[in-house]
Amino acid sequence: MILEIAQLTIRAGQASAFEQAFAKAQRIIASMPGYQSHELQHCIERPDDYVLLVRWATLEDHEVGFRQSPQYQEWKALLHHFYDPFPTVLHYGPVAGL
């Protein structure tokens, strides 16, 4: 399992609109091969900050299967205009033996 972590900073005053758009966009990501689960968390101290956690079966499921799919273009149209700056996205794997 791979954990994708995206730190999202939303343009000031756009949090509510972002959350509404994400409610639609989450159906896209949930339909992708290799998708396992996701959660969107809202920062308490910084109201324009969120973190998106997505669990994928493999790194390729995210980087190739999702990001190179036609569905990604719909995801992009729904969400990318809210970000300032564009998010940092990193991937994490389990630590052996723990």
PDB file of N, CA and C in Angstrom:
ATOM      1  N   MET A   1       0.847  -1.178   0.000  1.00  0.00           N
ATOM      2  CA  MET A   1       0.000   0.000   0.000  1.00  0.00           C
ATOM      3  C   MET A   1       0.887   1.234   0.000  1.00  0.00           C
ATOM      4  N   ILE A   2       0.483   2.225  -0.764  1.00  0.00           N
ATOM      5  CA  ILE A   2       1.177   3.507  -0.855  1.00  0.00           C
ATOM      6  C   ILE A   2       0.236   4.579  -0.319  1.00  0.00           C
ATOM      7  N   LEU A   3       0.767   5.470   0.502  1.00  0.00           N
ATOM      8  CA  LEU A   3      -0.004   6.593   1.022  1.00  0.00           C
ATOM      9  C   LEU A   3       0.447   7.861   0.309  1.00  0.00           C
ATOM     10  N   GLU A   4      -0.476   8.467  -0.404  1.00  0.00           N
ATOM     11  CA  GLU A   4      -0.234   9.763  -1.048  1.00  0.00           C
ATOM     12  C   GLU A   4      -0.664  10.846  -0.064  1.00  0.00           C
ATOM     13  N   ILE A   5       0.200  11.826   0.155  1.00  0.00           N
ATOM     14  CA  ILE A   5      -0.129  12.953   1.027  1.00  0.00           C
ATOM     15  C   ILE A   5       0.035  14.231   0.216  1.00  0.00           C
ATOM     16  N   ALA A   6      -1.074  14.963   0.080  1.00  0.00           N
ATOM     17  CA  ALA A   6      -1.061  16.228  -0.655  1.00  0.00           C
ATOM     18  C   ALA A   6      -1.408  17.340   0.314  1.00  0.00           C
ATOM     19  N   GLN A   7      -0.496  18.284   0.473  1.00  0.00           N
ATOM     20  CA  GLN A   7      -0.748  19.460   1.310  1.00  0.00           C
ATOM     21  C   GLN A   7      -1.369  20.519   0.423  1.00  0.00           C
ATOM     22  N   LEU A   8      -2.600  20.907   0.759  1.00  0.00           N
ATOM     23  CA  LEU A   8      -3.367  21.815  -0.086  1.00  0.00           C
ATOM     24  C   LEU A   8      -3.571  23.153   0.608  1.00  0.00           C
ATOM     25  N   THR A   9      -3.197  24.225  -0.042  1.00  0.00           N
ATOM     26  CA  THR A   9      -3.518  25.572   0.412  1.00  0.00           C
ATOM     27  C   THR A   9      -4.497  26.150  -0.589  1.00  0.00           C
ATOM     28  N   ILE A  10      -5.655  26.535  -0.080  1.00  0.00           N
ATOM     29  CA  ILE A  10      -6.754  27.014  -0.908  1.00  0.00           C
ATOM     30  C   ILE A  10      -6.735  28.546  -0.921  1.00  0.00           C
ATOM     31  N   ARG A  11      -7.083  29.132  -2.041  1.00  0.00           N
ATOM     32  CA  ARG A  11      -7.155  30.590  -2.139  1.00  0.00           C
ATOM     33  C   ARG A  11      -8.085  31.132  -1.059  1.00  0.00           C
ATOM     34  N   ALA A  12      -7.712  32.241  -0.452  1.00  0.00           N
ATOM     35  CA  ALA A  12      -8.482  32.835   0.650  1.00  0.00           C
ATOM     36  C   ALA A  12      -9.940  33.023   0.256  1.00  0.00           C
ATOM     37  N   GLY A  13     -10.824  32.617   1.165  1.00  0.00           N
ATOM     38  CA  GLY A  13     -12.254  32.777   0.960  1.00  0.00           C
ATOM     39  C   GLY A  13     -12.897  31.716   0.086  1.00  0.00           C
ATOM     40  N   GLN A  14     -12.109  30.721  -0.356  1.00  0.00           N
ATOM     41  CA  GLN A  14     -12.625  29.705  -1.273  1.00  0.00           C
ATOM     42  C   GLN A  14     -12.842  28.334  -0.622  1.00  0.00           C
ATOM     43  N   ALA A  15     -12.692  28.240   0.700  1.00  0.00           N
ATOM     44  CA  ALA A  15     -12.768  26.935   1.363  1.00  0.00           C
ATOM     45  C   ALA A  15     -14.110  26.247   1.131  1.00  0.00           C
ATOM     46  N   SER A  16     -15.190  26.959   1.274  1.00  0.00           N
ATOM     47  CA  SER A  16     -16.512  26.353   1.105  1.00  0.00           C
ATOM     48  C   SER A  16     -16.713  25.864  -0.327  1.00  0.00           C
ATOM     49  N   ALA A  17     -16.335  26.669  -1.301  1.00  0.00           N
ATOM     50  CA  ALA A  17     -16.457  26.273  -2.709  1.00  0.00           C
ATOM     51  C   ALA A  17     -15.557  25.077  -3.008  1.00  0.00           C
ATOM     52  N   PHE A  18     -14.349  25.075  -2.432  1.00  0.00           N
ATOM     53  CA  PHE A  18     -13.443  23.941  -2.604  1.00  0.00           C
ATOM     54  C   PHE A  18     -14.068  22.662  -2.064  1.00  0.00           C
ATOM     55  N   GLU A  19     -14.627  22.724  -0.870  1.00  0.00           N
ATOM     56  CA  GLU A  19     -15.231  21.532  -0.271  1.00  0.00           C
ATOM     57  C   GLU A  19     -16.397  21.017  -1.112  1.00  0.00           C
ATOM     58  N   GLN A  20     -17.175  21.904  -1.680  1.00  0.00           N
ATOM     59  CA  GLN A  20     -18.276  21.488  -2.556  1.00  0.00           C
ATOM     60  C   GLN A  20     -17.744  20.814  -3.819  1.00  0.00           C
ATOM     61  N   ALA A  21     -16.697  21.377  -4.396  1.00  0.00           N
ATOM     62  CA  ALA A  21     -16.090  20.785  -5.589  1.00  0.00           C
ATOM     63  C   ALA A  21     -15.449  19.438  -5.253  1.00  0.00           C
ATOM     64  N   PHE A  22     -14.823  19.354  -4.079  1.00  0.00           N
ATOM     65  CA  PHE A  22     -14.189  18.098  -3.687  1.00  0.00           C
ATOM     66  C   PHE A  22     -15.230  16.999  -3.493  1.00  0.00           C
ATOM     67  N   ALA A  23     -16.411  17.359  -2.995  1.00  0.00           N
ATOM     68  CA  ALA A  23     -17.485  16.373  -2.827  1.00  0.00           C
ATOM     69  C   ALA A  23     -17.812  15.706  -4.163  1.00  0.00           C
ATOM     70  N   LYS A  24     -17.728  16.449  -5.251  1.00  0.00           N
ATOM     71  CA  LYS A  24     -17.940  15.884  -6.591  1.00  0.00           C
ATOM     72  C   LYS A  24     -16.698  15.117  -7.055  1.00  0.00           C
ATOM     73  N   ALA A  25     -15.539  15.700  -6.856  1.00  0.00           N
ATOM     74  CA  ALA A  25     -14.286  15.129  -7.358  1.00  0.00           C
ATOM     75  C   ALA A  25     -13.931  13.806  -6.683  1.00  0.00           C
ATOM     76  N   GLN A  26     -14.322  13.630  -5.439  1.00  0.00           N
ATOM     77  CA  GLN A  26     -13.932  12.404  -4.736  1.00  0.00           C
ATOM     78  C   GLN A  26     -14.501  11.154  -5.404  1.00  0.00           C
ATOM     79  N   ARG A  27     -15.621  11.288  -6.096  1.00  0.00           N
ATOM     80  CA  ARG A  27     -16.189  10.143  -6.821  1.00  0.00           C
ATOM     81  C   ARG A  27     -15.268   9.707  -7.953  1.00  0.00           C
ATOM     82  N   ILE A  28     -14.563  10.665  -8.530  1.00  0.00           N
ATOM     83  CA  ILE A  28     -13.639  10.345  -9.623  1.00  0.00           C
ATOM     84  C   ILE A  28     -12.500   9.487  -9.105  1.00  0.00           C
ATOM     85  N   ILE A  29     -11.830   9.956  -8.066  1.00  0.00           N
ATOM     86  CA  ILE A  29     -10.666   9.225  -7.561  1.00  0.00           C
ATOM     87  C   ILE A  29     -11.069   7.865  -7.001  1.00  0.00           C
ATOM     88  N   ALA A  30     -12.230   7.799  -6.375  1.00  0.00           N
ATOM     89  CA  ALA A  30     -12.680   6.536  -5.783  1.00  0.00           C
ATOM     90  C   ALA A  30     -12.989   5.477  -6.839  1.00  0.00           C
ATOM     91  N   SER A  31     -13.184   5.888  -8.084  1.00  0.00           N
ATOM     92  CA  SER A  31     -13.510   4.944  -9.154  1.00  0.00           C
ATOM     93  C   SER A  31     -12.274   4.388  -9.853  1.00  0.00           C
ATOM     94  N   MET A  32     -11.087   4.856  -9.488  1.00  0.00           N
ATOM     95  CA  MET A  32      -9.871   4.496 -10.213  1.00  0.00           C
ATOM     96  C   MET A  32      -9.309   3.149  -9.762  1.00  0.00           C
ATOM     97  N   PRO A  33      -8.758   2.375 -10.700  1.00  0.00           N
ATOM     98  CA  PRO A  33      -8.102   1.117 -10.327  1.00  0.00           C
ATOM     99  C   PRO A  33      -6.967   1.371  -9.338  1.00  0.00           C
ATOM    100  N   GLY A  34      -6.868   0.525  -8.339  1.00  0.00           N
ATOM    101  CA  GLY A  34      -5.818   0.642  -7.332  1.00  0.00           C
ATOM    102  C   GLY A  34      -6.154   1.547  -6.169  1.00  0.00           C
ATOM    103  N   TYR A  35      -7.219   2.329  -6.303  1.00  0.00           N
ATOM    104  CA  TYR A  35      -7.662   3.197  -5.210  1.00  0.00           C
ATOM    105  C   TYR A  35      -8.123   2.328  -4.049  1.00  0.00           C
ATOM    106  N   GLN A  36      -7.747   2.718  -2.817  1.00  0.00           N
ATOM    107  CA  GLN A  36      -8.190   1.979  -1.632  1.00  0.00           C
ATOM    108  C   GLN A  36      -9.068   2.830  -0.716  1.00  0.00           C
ATOM    109  N   SER A  37      -8.632   4.050  -0.423  1.00  0.00           N
ATOM    110  CA  SER A  37      -9.428   4.934   0.436  1.00  0.00           C
ATOM    111  C   SER A  37      -8.833   6.332   0.389  1.00  0.00           C
ATOM    112  N   HIS A  38      -9.591   7.297   0.920  1.00  0.00           N
ATOM    113  CA  HIS A  38      -9.061   8.656   1.027  1.00  0.00           C
ATOM    114  C   HIS A  38      -9.735   9.377   2.187  1.00  0.00           C
ATOM    115  N   GLU A  39      -9.101  10.443   2.615  1.00  0.00           N
ATOM    116  CA  GLU A  39      -9.709  11.356   3.582  1.00  0.00           C
ATOM    117  C   GLU A  39      -9.158  12.747   3.342  1.00  0.00           C
ATOM    118  N   LEU A  40     -10.022  13.723   3.539  1.00  0.00           N
ATOM    119  CA  LEU A  40      -9.639  15.128   3.432  1.00  0.00           C
ATOM    120  C   LEU A  40      -9.760  15.725   4.821  1.00  0.00           C
ATOM    121  N   GLN A  41      -8.672  16.316   5.301  1.00  0.00           N
ATOM    122  CA  GLN A  41      -8.653  16.912   6.634  1.00  0.00           C
ATOM    123  C   GLN A  41      -8.458  18.421   6.502  1.00  0.00           C
ATOM    124  N   HIS A  42      -9.174  19.174   7.336  1.00  0.00           N
ATOM    125  CA  HIS A  42      -9.122  20.640   7.338  1.00  0.00           C
ATOM    126  C   HIS A  42      -8.277  21.089   8.525  1.00  0.00           C
ATOM    127  N   CYS A  43      -7.332  21.971   8.297  1.00  0.00           N
ATOM    128  CA  CYS A  43      -6.450  22.453   9.370  1.00  0.00           C
ATOM    129  C   CYS A  43      -7.213  23.374  10.314  1.00  0.00           C
ATOM    130  N   ILE A  44      -7.061  23.151  11.571  1.00  0.00           N
ATOM    131  CA  ILE A  44      -7.741  23.959  12.591  1.00  0.00           C
ATOM    132  C   ILE A  44      -7.081  25.333  12.727  1.00  0.00           C
ATOM    133  N   GLU A  45      -5.755  25.373  12.726  1.00  0.00           N
ATOM    134  CA  GLU A  45      -5.044  26.641  12.930  1.00  0.00           C
ATOM    135  C   GLU A  45      -4.989  27.511  11.680  1.00  0.00           C
ATOM    136  N   ARG A  46      -5.029  26.903  10.510  1.00  0.00           N
ATOM    137  CA  ARG A  46      -4.929  27.642   9.244  1.00  0.00           C
ATOM    138  C   ARG A  46      -6.136  27.283   8.371  1.00  0.00           C
ATOM    139  N   PRO A  47      -7.157  28.104   8.369  1.00  0.00           N
ATOM    140  CA  PRO A  47      -8.417  27.743   7.706  1.00  0.00           C
ATOM    141  C   PRO A  47      -8.339  27.546   6.193  1.00  0.00           C
ATOM    142  N   ASP A  48      -7.264  27.974   5.563  1.00  0.00           N
ATOM    143  CA  ASP A  48      -7.120  27.772   4.116  1.00  0.00           C
ATOM    144  C   ASP A  48      -6.297  26.533   3.782  1.00  0.00           C
ATOM    145  N   ASP A  49      -5.889  25.772   4.802  1.00  0.00           N
ATOM    146  CA  ASP A  49      -5.040  24.596   4.585  1.00  0.00           C
ATOM    147  C   ASP A  49      -5.807  23.298   4.819  1.00  0.00           C
ATOM    148  N   TYR A  50      -5.511  22.337   3.955  1.00  0.00           N
ATOM    149  CA  TYR A  50      -6.085  20.989   4.022  1.00  0.00           C
ATOM    150  C   TYR A  50      -4.964  19.994   3.775  1.00  0.00           C
ATOM    151  N   VAL A  51      -5.211  18.757   4.131  1.00  0.00           N
ATOM    152  CA  VAL A  51      -4.336  17.669   3.730  1.00  0.00           C
ATOM    153  C   VAL A  51      -5.238  16.570   3.164  1.00  0.00           C
ATOM    154  N   LEU A  52      -4.833  16.054   2.014  1.00  0.00           N
ATOM    155  CA  LEU A  52      -5.542  14.954   1.371  1.00  0.00           C
ATOM    156  C   LEU A  52      -4.678  13.712   1.497  1.00  0.00           C
ATOM    157  N   LEU A  53      -5.245  12.669   2.069  1.00  0.00           N
ATOM    158  CA  LEU A  53      -4.574  11.384   2.218  1.00  0.00           C
ATOM    159  C   LEU A  53      -5.288  10.379   1.321  1.00  0.00           C
ATOM    160  N   VAL A  54      -4.539   9.757   0.416  1.00  0.00           N
ATOM    161  CA  VAL A  54      -5.122   8.760  -0.479  1.00  0.00           C
ATOM    162  C   VAL A  54      -4.271   7.499  -0.405  1.00  0.00           C
ATOM    163  N   ARG A  55      -4.928   6.377  -0.212  1.00  0.00           N
ATOM    164  CA  ARG A  55      -4.242   5.085  -0.174  1.00  0.00           C
ATOM    165  C   ARG A  55      -4.439   4.402  -1.531  1.00  0.00           C
ATOM    166  N   TRP A  56      -3.308   4.021  -2.114  1.00  0.00           N
ATOM    167  CA  TRP A  56      -3.286   3.342  -3.415  1.00  0.00           C
ATOM    168  C   TRP A  56      -2.620   1.983  -3.238  1.00  0.00           C
ATOM    169  N   ALA A  57      -2.967   1.043  -4.100  1.00  0.00           N
ATOM    170  CA  ALA A  57      -2.311  -0.267  -4.062  1.00  0.00           C
ATOM    171  C   ALA A  57      -0.834  -0.136  -4.450  1.00  0.00           C
ATOM    172  N   THR A  58      -0.552   0.671  -5.489  1.00  0.00           N
ATOM    173  CA  THR A  58       0.832   0.868  -5.945  1.00  0.00           C
ATOM    174  C   THR A  58       1.049   2.328  -6.323  1.00  0.00           C
ATOM    175  N   LEU A  59       2.287   2.718  -6.397  1.00  0.00           N
ATOM    176  CA  LEU A  59       2.630   4.070  -6.840  1.00  0.00           C
ATOM    177  C   LEU A  59       2.150   4.296  -8.275  1.00  0.00           C
ATOM    178  N   GLU A  60       2.267   3.284  -9.108  1.00  0.00           N
ATOM    179  CA  GLU A  60       1.848   3.391 -10.501  1.00  0.00           C
ATOM    180  C   GLU A  60       0.339   3.635 -10.628  1.00  0.00           C
ATOM    181  N   ASP A  61      -0.454   3.107  -9.689  1.00  0.00           N
ATOM    182  CA  ASP A  61      -1.894   3.345  -9.734  1.00  0.00           C
ATOM    183  C   ASP A  61      -2.194   4.839  -9.648  1.00  0.00           C
ATOM    184  N   HIS A  62      -1.400   5.572  -8.876  1.00  0.00           N
ATOM    185  CA  HIS A  62      -1.600   7.009  -8.777  1.00  0.00           C
ATOM    186  C   HIS A  62      -0.914   7.756  -9.918  1.00  0.00           C
ATOM    187  N   GLU A  63       0.381   7.523 -10.074  1.00  0.00           N
ATOM    188  CA  GLU A  63       1.188   8.302 -11.007  1.00  0.00           C
ATOM    189  C   GLU A  63       0.846   8.039 -12.477  1.00  0.00           C
ATOM    190  N   VAL A  64       0.475   6.822 -12.817  1.00  0.00           N
ATOM    191  CA  VAL A  64       0.169   6.480 -14.205  1.00  0.00           C
ATOM    192  C   VAL A  64      -1.336   6.286 -14.374  1.00  0.00           C
ATOM    193  N   GLY A  65      -1.904   5.349 -13.623  1.00  0.00           N
ATOM    194  CA  GLY A  65      -3.312   5.011 -13.788  1.00  0.00           C
ATOM    195  C   GLY A  65      -4.259   6.179 -13.593  1.00  0.00           C
ATOM    196  N   PHE A  66      -4.012   7.003 -12.579  1.00  0.00           N
ATOM    197  CA  PHE A  66      -4.874   8.152 -12.329  1.00  0.00           C
ATOM    198  C   PHE A  66      -4.401   9.386 -13.074  1.00  0.00           C
ATOM    199  N   ARG A  67      -3.164   9.781 -12.866  1.00  0.00           N
ATOM    200  CA  ARG A  67      -2.691  11.055 -13.429  1.00  0.00           C
ATOM    201  C   ARG A  67      -2.619  11.079 -14.953  1.00  0.00           C
ATOM    202  N   GLN A  68      -2.567   9.933 -15.579  1.00  0.00           N
ATOM    203  CA  GLN A  68      -2.530   9.900 -17.043  1.00  0.00           C
ATOM    204  C   GLN A  68      -3.873   9.479 -17.646  1.00  0.00           C
ATOM    205  N   SER A  69      -4.921   9.499 -16.822  1.00  0.00           N
ATOM    206  CA  SER A  69      -6.245   9.074 -17.293  1.00  0.00           C
ATOM    207  C   SER A  69      -7.087  10.266 -17.736  1.00  0.00           C
ATOM    208  N   PRO A  70      -8.096  10.025 -18.546  1.00  0.00           N
ATOM    209  CA  PRO A  70      -9.046  11.092 -18.898  1.00  0.00           C
ATOM    210  C   PRO A  70      -9.780  11.633 -17.667  1.00  0.00           C
ATOM    211  N   GLN A  71     -10.006  10.767 -16.675  1.00  0.00           N
ATOM    212  CA  GLN A  71     -10.692  11.199 -15.455  1.00  0.00           C
ATOM    213  C   GLN A  71      -9.890  12.254 -14.699  1.00  0.00           C
ATOM    214  N   TYR A  72      -8.556  12.196 -14.821  1.00  0.00           N
ATOM    215  CA  TYR A  72      -7.724  13.193 -14.150  1.00  0.00           C
ATOM    216  C   TYR A  72      -8.015  14.590 -14.686  1.00  0.00           C
ATOM    217  N   GLN A  73      -8.337  14.693 -15.960  1.00  0.00           N
ATOM    218  CA  GLN A  73      -8.650  16.009 -16.533  1.00  0.00           C
ATOM    219  C   GLN A  73      -9.906  16.600 -15.891  1.00  0.00           C
ATOM    220  N   GLU A  74     -10.872  15.752 -15.586  1.00  0.00           N
ATOM    221  CA  GLU A  74     -12.076  16.214 -14.892  1.00  0.00           C
ATOM    222  C   GLU A  74     -11.741  16.636 -13.457  1.00  0.00           C
ATOM    223  N   TRP A  75     -10.929  15.834 -12.765  1.00  0.00           N
ATOM    224  CA  TRP A  75     -10.453  16.152 -11.409  1.00  0.00           C
ATOM    225  C   TRP A  75      -9.749  17.507 -11.420  1.00  0.00           C
ATOM    226  N   LYS A  76      -8.866  17.678 -12.362  1.00  0.00           N
ATOM    227  CA  LYS A  76      -8.087  18.911 -12.509  1.00  0.00           C
ATOM    228  C   LYS A  76      -9.015  20.116 -12.720  1.00  0.00           C
ATOM    229  N   ALA A  77     -10.009  19.972 -13.587  1.00  0.00           N
ATOM    230  CA  ALA A  77     -10.937  21.077 -13.868  1.00  0.00           C
ATOM    231  C   ALA A  77     -11.760  21.446 -12.628  1.00  0.00           C
ATOM    232  N   LEU A  78     -12.099  20.464 -11.818  1.00  0.00           N
ATOM    233  CA  LEU A  78     -12.887  20.726 -10.612  1.00  0.00           C
ATOM    234  C   LEU A  78     -12.075  21.392  -9.505  1.00  0.00           C
ATOM    235  N   LEU A  79     -10.790  21.027  -9.374  1.00  0.00           N
ATOM    236  CA  LEU A  79     -10.042  21.406  -8.165  1.00  0.00           C
ATOM    237  C   LEU A  79      -8.833  22.308  -8.344  1.00  0.00           C
ATOM    238  N   HIS A  80      -8.112  22.204  -9.430  1.00  0.00           N
ATOM    239  CA  HIS A  80      -6.801  22.861  -9.497  1.00  0.00           C
ATOM    240  C   HIS A  80      -6.852  24.385  -9.406  1.00  0.00           C
ATOM    241  N   HIS A  81      -7.933  25.003  -9.789  1.00  0.00           N
ATOM    242  CA  HIS A  81      -8.002  26.466  -9.721  1.00  0.00           C
ATOM    243  C   HIS A  81      -8.132  26.995  -8.290  1.00  0.00           C
ATOM    244  N   PHE A  82      -8.369  26.106  -7.322  1.00  0.00           N
ATOM    245  CA  PHE A  82      -8.470  26.524  -5.919  1.00  0.00           C
ATOM    246  C   PHE A  82      -7.105  26.646  -5.241  1.00  0.00           C
ATOM    247  N   TYR A  83      -6.068  26.020  -5.787  1.00  0.00           N
ATOM    248  CA  TYR A  83      -4.780  25.908  -5.100  1.00  0.00           C
ATOM    249  C   TYR A  83      -3.897  27.135  -5.308  1.00  0.00           C
ATOM    250  N   ASP A  84      -3.293  27.587  -4.209  1.00  0.00           N
ATOM    251  CA  ASP A  84      -2.304  28.662  -4.277  1.00  0.00           C
ATOM    252  C   ASP A  84      -1.376  28.552  -3.073  1.00  0.00           C
ATOM    253  N   PRO A  85      -0.198  27.979  -3.261  1.00  0.00           N
ATOM    254  CA  PRO A  85       0.443  27.493  -4.481  1.00  0.00           C
ATOM    255  C   PRO A  85      -0.053  26.084  -4.828  1.00  0.00           C
ATOM    256  N   PHE A  86       0.438  25.556  -5.955  1.00  0.00           N
ATOM    257  CA  PHE A  86       0.079  24.195  -6.330  1.00  0.00           C
ATOM    258  C   PHE A  86       0.616  23.247  -5.266  1.00  0.00           C
ATOM    259  N   PRO A  87      -0.147  22.216  -4.911  1.00  0.00           N
ATOM    260  CA  PRO A  87       0.221  21.351  -3.781  1.00  0.00           C
ATOM    261  C   PRO A  87       1.505  20.558  -3.976  1.00  0.00           C
ATOM    262  N   THR A  88       2.133  20.313  -2.869  1.00  0.00           N
ATOM    263  CA  THR A  88       3.219  19.343  -2.791  1.00  0.00           C
ATOM    264  C   THR A  88       2.568  17.980  -2.569  1.00  0.00           C
ATOM    265  N   VAL A  89       2.939  16.997  -3.377  1.00  0.00           N
ATOM    266  CA  VAL A  89       2.397  15.650  -3.253  1.00  0.00           C
ATOM    267  C   VAL A  89       3.564  14.691  -3.070  1.00  0.00           C
ATOM    268  N   LEU A  90       3.516  13.922  -1.984  1.00  0.00           N
ATOM    269  CA  LEU A  90       4.552  12.930  -1.697  1.00  0.00           C
ATOM    270  C   LEU A  90       3.888  11.591  -1.467  1.00  0.00           C
ATOM    271  N   HIS A  91       4.674  10.514  -1.639  1.00  0.00           N
ATOM    272  CA  HIS A  91       4.179   9.156  -1.471  1.00  0.00           C
ATOM    273  C   HIS A  91       4.998   8.448  -0.403  1.00  0.00           C
ATOM    274  N   TYR A  92       4.312   7.665   0.411  1.00  0.00           N
ATOM    275  CA  TYR A  92       4.952   6.968   1.525  1.00  0.00           C
ATOM    276  C   TYR A  92       4.585   5.488   1.484  1.00  0.00           C
ATOM    277  N   GLY A  93       5.532   4.659   1.896  1.00  0.00           N
ATOM    278  CA  GLY A  93       5.307   3.219   2.010  1.00  0.00           C
ATOM    279  C   GLY A  93       5.563   2.782   3.428  1.00  0.00           C
ATOM    280  N   PRO A  94       5.106   1.591   3.764  1.00  0.00           N
ATOM    281  CA  PRO A  94       5.285   1.095   5.127  1.00  0.00           C
ATOM    282  C   PRO A  94       6.753   0.869   5.472  1.00  0.00           C
ATOM    283  N   VAL A  95       7.060   0.977   6.742  1.00  0.00           N
ATOM    284  CA  VAL A  95       8.401   0.695   7.248  1.00  0.00           C
ATOM    285  C   VAL A  95       8.461  -0.785   7.559  1.00  0.00           C
ATOM    286  N   ALA A  96       9.443  -1.474   6.972  1.00  0.00           N
ATOM    287  CA  ALA A  96       9.575  -2.917   7.164  1.00  0.00           C
ATOM    288  C   ALA A  96       9.734  -3.263   8.644  1.00  0.00           C
ATOM    289  N   GLY A  97       9.006  -4.257   9.078  1.00  0.00           N
ATOM    290  CA  GLY A  97       9.132  -4.737  10.446  1.00  0.00           C
ATOM    291  C   GLY A  97       8.335  -3.977  11.475  1.00  0.00           C
ATOM    292  N   LEU A  98       7.619  -2.941  11.069  1.00  0.00           N
ATOM    293  CA  LEU A  98       6.831  -2.174  12.043  1.00  0.00           C
ATOM    294  C   LEU A  98       5.359  -2.262  11.723  1.00  0.00           C
TER     295      LEU A  98
END
